[in-house]
Amino acid sequence: MQRRTFIKSIGFCAVAVSTYGFTRFDGEHYIGDCETTTDILGPFYLPNSPVRNNLIIKGESGDPIELSGIISHKDCITPYNKAKIELWHCDALGKYDLTNEFRYRGTTFSDKNGHYSFNTIMPVSYKVTDEYIRPAHFHMMITAEGYQPLVTQLYFSGDKYIKKDPYASSKKAQKRILEIQSLDNRSKRVIYNVSMSEILPVEAPSLDKLVGVYTDIKNNSNKVELFKSDNTIWMKNVAFGDKFEYVGNNTFEYSGMPDGMYWKLKFELMVSGAIQLTINETDDTFIKHDTVFMKGS
């Protein structure tokens, strides 16, 4: 089946992503360059965290810190009322809670002035492997009607592990390395402002065709499971899933990867009705890997 036929049958719609330049007035509207960049979702995201902005747990160790900022529309000026902000991070020992207690996980909404805030503890760096230590960071997901959901991570100035981390050291992450302000002897504050970006989502029926379990054509024991959430494609992992955004040409991409690295899902509808999934990715040494999976007859 030719690709143009596949595009028509699968029902993908075009993606329009707003591009920011410096803030200016075009005679009717403000157009801005309050660039907000994405970062990896990470394997520890859990949906449906409780609506609360105080994540401090009595009796737990950790230095208190306030995260606050403004959510604005794409013009970088107009406050966005009732944007949904999800925050999650590790505890003072570098561990993520994956239980239904949702420790150090919470959801809040911006007010009429676009303002949001969380009171929590300072996350810490933690070891991934003997050679790789992740710098301390917050995870955030911001959802606002009419805009592309934003997944990002926030880092902290002075963290010695940033330079060796491929995500935190990316040029795209520079505006997300936050200065820590001291409020008193122990309490601290960081500020992170967000402007939303537009995108036209893939239609739900198209996503419904893509979800399911895919099997490696060379190794039947190697399988991946794709599912739909928030009108996009996710790949199941040990906690919930990894989120992929549609980037056109029947391809979904894991956002926020460092320069030179990528993780892509590319779909092709076969004449038999089966769907072929090719996963294109690079490892930590920038070596490319392509794996082909199949779903259906």
Protein backbone atom coordinates (compact mmCIF):
# COMPACT_ATOMS: atom_id res chain seq x y z
CA MET A 1 0.00 0.00 0.00
CA GLN A 2 1.40 3.39 -0.95
CA ARG A 3 2.10 5.79 1.88
CA ARG A 4 -0.42 8.40 0.71
CA THR A 5 -3.13 5.71 0.76
CA PHE A 6 -2.07 4.70 4.25
CA ILE A 7 -2.23 8.27 5.49
CA LYS A 8 -5.74 8.62 4.16
CA SER A 9 -6.92 5.30 5.59
CA ILE A 10 -5.31 5.69 8.98
CA GLY A 11 -6.75 9.19 9.34
CA PHE A 12 -3.76 11.15 10.57
CA CYS A 13 -4.30 14.88 10.60
CA ALA A 14 -1.65 17.50 10.05
CA VAL A 15 0.36 18.77 12.98
CA ALA A 16 0.80 22.49 13.47
CA VAL A 17 3.35 23.52 16.06
CA SER A 18 3.70 27.17 16.93
CA THR A 19 7.15 28.65 16.57
CA TYR A 20 8.26 31.33 18.97
CA GLY A 21 10.29 34.40 18.13
CA PHE A 22 10.97 37.39 20.39
CA THR A 23 7.91 39.05 21.92
CA ARG A 24 6.33 41.60 19.61
CA PHE A 25 2.93 43.12 18.84
CA ASP A 26 1.59 42.42 15.34
CA GLY A 27 -1.11 45.08 15.48
CA GLU A 28 -3.71 42.80 17.02
CA HIS A 29 -1.94 40.25 19.19
CA TYR A 30 1.26 39.73 21.11
CA ILE A 31 3.53 37.10 19.59
CA GLY A 32 6.29 35.88 21.82
CA ASP A 33 9.45 33.96 22.35
CA CYS A 34 8.97 32.61 25.82
CA GLU A 35 10.33 29.29 24.66
CA THR A 36 9.24 26.38 26.81
CA THR A 37 11.09 23.19 25.95
CA THR A 38 10.29 19.56 26.55
CA ASP A 39 12.26 16.82 28.25
CA ILE A 40 11.88 13.08 28.63
CA LEU A 41 8.84 11.84 30.50
CA GLY A 42 10.90 9.29 32.38
CA PRO A 43 9.72 5.81 33.40
CA PHE A 44 8.04 6.82 36.68
CA TYR A 45 5.02 8.85 35.57
CA LEU A 46 1.68 7.83 37.09
CA PRO A 47 -1.62 9.40 35.96
CA ASN A 48 -4.37 10.66 38.26
CA SER A 49 -2.23 12.04 41.06
CA PRO A 50 -4.32 13.75 43.80
CA VAL A 51 -5.32 17.39 43.43
CA ARG A 52 -3.03 19.01 45.99
CA ASN A 53 -0.14 21.44 45.90
CA ASN A 54 1.35 20.61 49.30
CA LEU A 55 3.42 17.46 48.84
CA ILE A 56 5.40 17.69 52.08
CA ILE A 57 5.08 14.53 54.20
CA LYS A 58 5.31 14.99 57.96
CA GLY A 59 8.26 13.18 59.47
CA GLU A 60 10.07 12.70 56.14
CA SER A 61 13.54 14.12 55.53
CA GLY A 62 14.27 16.68 52.84
CA ASP A 63 14.68 20.43 52.51
CA PRO A 64 11.43 22.32 51.85
CA ILE A 65 11.19 24.10 48.50
CA GLU A 66 8.46 26.05 46.72
CA LEU A 67 8.00 25.69 42.96
CA SER A 68 5.84 28.41 41.43
CA GLY A 69 5.28 30.24 38.17
CA ILE A 70 2.85 31.48 35.54
CA ILE A 71 1.15 29.50 32.77
CA SER A 72 0.43 31.67 29.73
CA HIS A 73 -1.13 31.29 26.31
CA LYS A 74 1.04 31.07 23.18
CA ASP A 75 1.38 34.87 23.10
CA CYS A 76 3.54 34.63 26.25
CA ILE A 77 1.41 37.39 27.81
CA THR A 78 -2.15 36.24 28.45
CA PRO A 79 -2.53 34.13 31.63
CA TYR A 80 -4.06 30.69 31.17
CA ASN A 81 -6.78 29.98 33.70
CA LYS A 82 -7.25 26.38 34.89
CA ALA A 83 -4.29 24.77 33.16
CA LYS A 84 -3.60 21.38 34.72
CA ILE A 85 -0.12 21.03 36.22
CA GLU A 86 1.18 17.63 37.36
CA LEU A 87 4.37 17.40 39.42
CA TRP A 88 6.28 14.30 40.52
CA HIS A 89 9.80 13.66 41.81
CA CYS A 90 11.90 11.34 43.95
CA ASP A 91 12.15 11.48 47.73
CA ALA A 92 15.18 12.51 49.75
CA LEU A 93 16.71 9.07 49.18
CA GLY A 94 16.36 9.21 45.40
CA LYS A 95 13.39 6.80 45.27
CA TYR A 96 10.11 7.21 43.35
CA ASP A 97 6.87 6.02 44.89
CA LEU A 98 4.95 3.70 42.55
CA THR A 99 2.11 2.89 44.97
CA ASN A 100 -1.36 4.36 45.19
CA GLU A 101 -0.14 6.65 47.97
CA PHE A 102 1.24 9.04 45.31
CA ARG A 103 4.02 10.28 47.59
CA TYR A 104 5.67 13.39 46.13
CA ARG A 105 3.10 13.47 43.35
CA GLY A 106 0.36 16.04 42.96
CA THR A 107 -1.87 17.96 40.57
CA THR A 108 -2.89 21.59 40.72
CA PHE A 109 -4.52 24.14 38.41
CA SER A 110 -3.47 27.66 37.45
CA ASP A 111 -5.67 30.51 38.71
CA LYS A 112 -7.14 33.39 36.70
CA ASN A 113 -3.73 35.07 36.73
CA GLY A 114 -2.06 31.92 35.40
CA HIS A 115 -0.31 31.38 38.73
CA TYR A 116 0.47 27.94 40.16
CA SER A 117 2.57 26.72 43.07
CA PHE A 118 3.69 23.56 44.86
CA ASN A 119 5.24 23.14 48.28
CA THR A 120 7.41 20.04 48.44
CA ILE A 121 10.97 18.93 49.21
CA MET A 122 14.13 19.31 47.19
CA PRO A 123 14.70 16.21 45.04
CA VAL A 124 18.17 14.66 45.03
CA SER A 125 20.45 13.13 42.44
CA TYR A 126 20.35 9.34 42.13
CA LYS A 127 22.36 6.55 40.55
CA VAL A 128 21.02 4.92 37.39
CA THR A 129 24.12 2.80 36.77
CA ASP A 130 27.56 2.74 38.34
CA GLU A 131 28.68 5.23 35.69
CA TYR A 132 25.54 7.35 35.34
CA ILE A 133 24.03 9.59 38.02
CA ARG A 134 21.00 11.70 37.19
CA PRO A 135 21.04 15.28 38.50
CA ALA A 136 18.25 16.34 40.85
CA HIS A 137 15.09 17.27 38.95
CA PHE A 138 11.36 17.86 38.99
CA HIS A 139 9.07 16.23 36.43
CA MET A 140 6.14 18.26 35.14
CA MET A 141 3.27 17.76 32.73
CA ILE A 142 1.10 20.75 31.82
CA THR A 143 -2.20 20.21 30.03
CA ALA A 144 -4.29 23.10 28.69
CA GLU A 145 -7.20 22.87 26.27
CA GLY A 146 -6.22 24.00 22.78
CA TYR A 147 -2.53 23.31 23.29
CA GLN A 148 -0.06 20.46 23.08
CA PRO A 149 0.46 18.84 26.51
CA LEU A 150 3.92 19.80 27.73
CA VAL A 151 6.17 17.22 29.38
CA THR A 152 9.35 18.63 30.84
CA GLN A 153 11.96 18.40 33.60
CA LEU A 154 13.43 21.13 35.77
CA TYR A 155 17.01 21.10 36.99
CA PHE A 156 18.90 23.22 39.51
CA SER A 157 21.82 25.57 39.08
CA GLY A 158 25.08 24.33 40.58
CA ASP A 159 24.25 20.64 40.30
CA LYS A 160 27.57 18.92 39.51
CA TYR A 161 25.86 16.07 37.62
CA ILE A 162 24.27 18.26 34.94
CA LYS A 163 27.33 18.36 32.70
CA LYS A 164 27.45 14.58 32.27
CA ASP A 165 23.69 14.12 31.85
CA PRO A 166 22.66 14.04 28.16
CA TYR A 167 19.23 15.52 28.91
CA ALA A 168 20.11 18.24 31.41
CA SER A 169 23.19 19.34 29.46
CA SER A 170 21.27 19.76 26.20
CA LYS A 171 21.08 23.30 24.82
CA LYS A 172 17.30 22.97 24.95
CA ALA A 173 17.48 22.51 28.71
CA GLN A 174 19.39 25.69 29.54
CA LYS A 175 16.25 27.67 30.41
CA ARG A 176 15.14 24.84 32.64
CA ILE A 177 18.16 24.97 34.93
CA LEU A 178 16.67 27.08 37.71
CA GLU A 179 18.30 29.38 40.22
CA ILE A 180 17.47 28.41 43.81
CA GLN A 181 16.38 31.31 45.99
CA SER A 182 16.76 31.04 49.76
CA LEU A 183 13.71 32.16 51.75
CA ASP A 184 15.19 31.45 55.19
CA ASN A 185 17.80 29.16 56.73
CA ARG A 186 16.20 26.05 55.23
CA SER A 187 13.34 26.89 52.87
CA LYS A 188 14.01 27.57 49.21
CA ARG A 189 12.11 28.63 46.09
CA VAL A 190 12.41 28.18 42.33
CA ILE A 191 10.32 29.86 39.66
CA TYR A 192 9.35 28.33 36.34
CA ASN A 193 7.06 30.09 33.86
CA VAL A 194 5.44 28.20 30.99
CA SER A 195 3.89 29.28 27.71
CA MET A 196 1.81 26.77 25.82
CA SER A 197 2.28 25.66 22.21
CA GLU A 198 -0.40 24.62 19.72
CA ILE A 199 -0.70 21.30 17.98
CA LEU A 200 -3.48 19.52 16.09
CA PRO A 201 -3.82 16.06 17.65
CA VAL A 202 -4.21 12.85 15.73
CA GLU A 203 -7.85 11.83 15.52
CA ALA A 204 -8.94 9.28 18.11
CA PRO A 205 -10.07 6.61 15.60
CA SER A 206 -6.60 6.63 14.06
CA LEU A 207 -4.98 6.06 17.44
CA ASP A 208 -7.40 3.23 18.13
CA LYS A 209 -6.01 1.40 15.09
CA LEU A 210 -2.45 1.71 16.34
CA VAL A 211 -2.81 0.53 19.93
CA GLY A 212 -2.18 -3.07 20.94
CA VAL A 213 0.63 -5.58 21.38
CA TYR A 214 3.36 -5.73 18.72
CA THR A 215 5.79 -8.63 18.29
CA ASP A 216 9.39 -8.41 17.11
CA ILE A 217 9.51 -10.14 13.71
CA LYS A 218 12.93 -11.64 14.58
CA ASN A 219 12.27 -12.49 18.23
CA ASN A 220 8.79 -13.60 19.23
CA SER A 221 9.56 -13.13 22.92
CA ASN A 222 10.25 -9.43 22.41
CA LYS A 223 6.99 -7.50 22.53
CA VAL A 224 5.88 -3.91 23.06
CA GLU A 225 2.43 -2.73 24.08
CA LEU A 226 1.03 0.59 22.86
CA PHE A 227 -2.00 2.25 24.38
CA LYS A 228 -3.87 5.54 24.08
CA SER A 229 -4.06 8.21 26.79
CA ASP A 230 -4.69 11.96 26.51
CA ASN A 231 -5.27 11.47 22.78
CA THR A 232 -1.75 10.29 22.02
CA ILE A 233 0.28 7.08 21.89
CA TRP A 234 2.07 5.62 24.91
CA MET A 235 4.37 2.59 25.22
CA LYS A 236 3.71 0.58 28.37
CA ASN A 237 6.50 0.45 30.96
CA VAL A 238 6.82 -0.73 34.56
CA ALA A 239 5.04 2.31 36.00
CA PHE A 240 2.61 3.53 33.34
CA GLY A 241 4.11 4.39 30.01
CA ASP A 242 6.39 6.46 27.76
CA LYS A 243 4.59 9.17 25.81
CA PHE A 244 5.13 9.77 22.07
CA GLU A 245 3.97 12.86 20.15
CA TYR A 246 2.90 12.78 16.52
CA VAL A 247 5.42 14.56 14.27
CA GLY A 248 3.98 13.75 10.83
CA ASN A 249 4.64 11.12 8.17
CA ASN A 250 2.99 8.38 10.26
CA THR A 251 5.68 8.88 12.91
CA PHE A 252 5.52 9.50 16.64
CA GLU A 253 8.54 10.77 18.55
CA TYR A 254 9.56 10.70 22.20
CA SER A 255 10.04 14.38 23.01
CA GLY A 256 12.88 16.01 24.87
CA MET A 257 15.72 13.75 23.72
CA PRO A 258 19.23 15.29 23.71
CA ASP A 259 20.68 16.60 20.48
CA GLY A 260 21.68 13.72 18.21
CA MET A 261 19.51 11.18 20.02
CA TYR A 262 16.00 10.02 19.17
CA TRP A 263 13.32 7.42 19.83
CA LYS A 264 10.67 7.12 17.11
CA LEU A 265 7.72 4.93 16.28
CA LYS A 266 6.93 4.68 12.57
CA PHE A 267 3.80 2.87 11.40
CA GLU A 268 2.91 1.29 8.08
CA LEU A 269 -0.40 -0.35 7.20
CA MET A 270 0.20 -3.55 5.25
CA VAL A 271 -1.97 -4.91 2.43
CA SER A 272 -2.96 -7.81 4.69
CA GLY A 273 -4.42 -5.39 7.22
CA ALA A 274 -1.55 -5.90 9.66
CA ILE A 275 0.30 -2.89 11.02
CA GLN A 276 4.07 -2.77 10.94
CA LEU A 277 5.86 -0.76 13.60
CA THR A 278 9.49 0.22 13.14
CA ILE A 279 11.20 1.56 16.24
CA ASN A 280 14.13 3.82 15.37
CA GLU A 281 16.32 4.74 18.31
CA THR A 282 19.80 5.68 19.40
CA ASP A 283 21.47 4.41 22.54
CA ASP A 284 23.55 6.42 25.00
CA THR A 285 26.56 6.13 22.69
CA PHE A 286 24.54 7.49 19.71
CA ILE A 287 24.53 4.11 17.96
CA LYS A 288 21.41 3.70 15.80
CA HIS A 289 19.09 0.72 16.19
CA ASP A 290 16.06 -0.21 14.07
CA THR A 291 13.65 -2.94 15.21
CA VAL A 292 10.59 -4.07 13.27
CA PHE A 293 7.45 -5.26 15.04
CA MET A 294 4.11 -6.47 13.69
CA LYS A 295 0.51 -6.47 14.91
CA GLY A 296 -2.25 -8.44 13.22
CA SER A 297 -2.22 -11.06 10.45
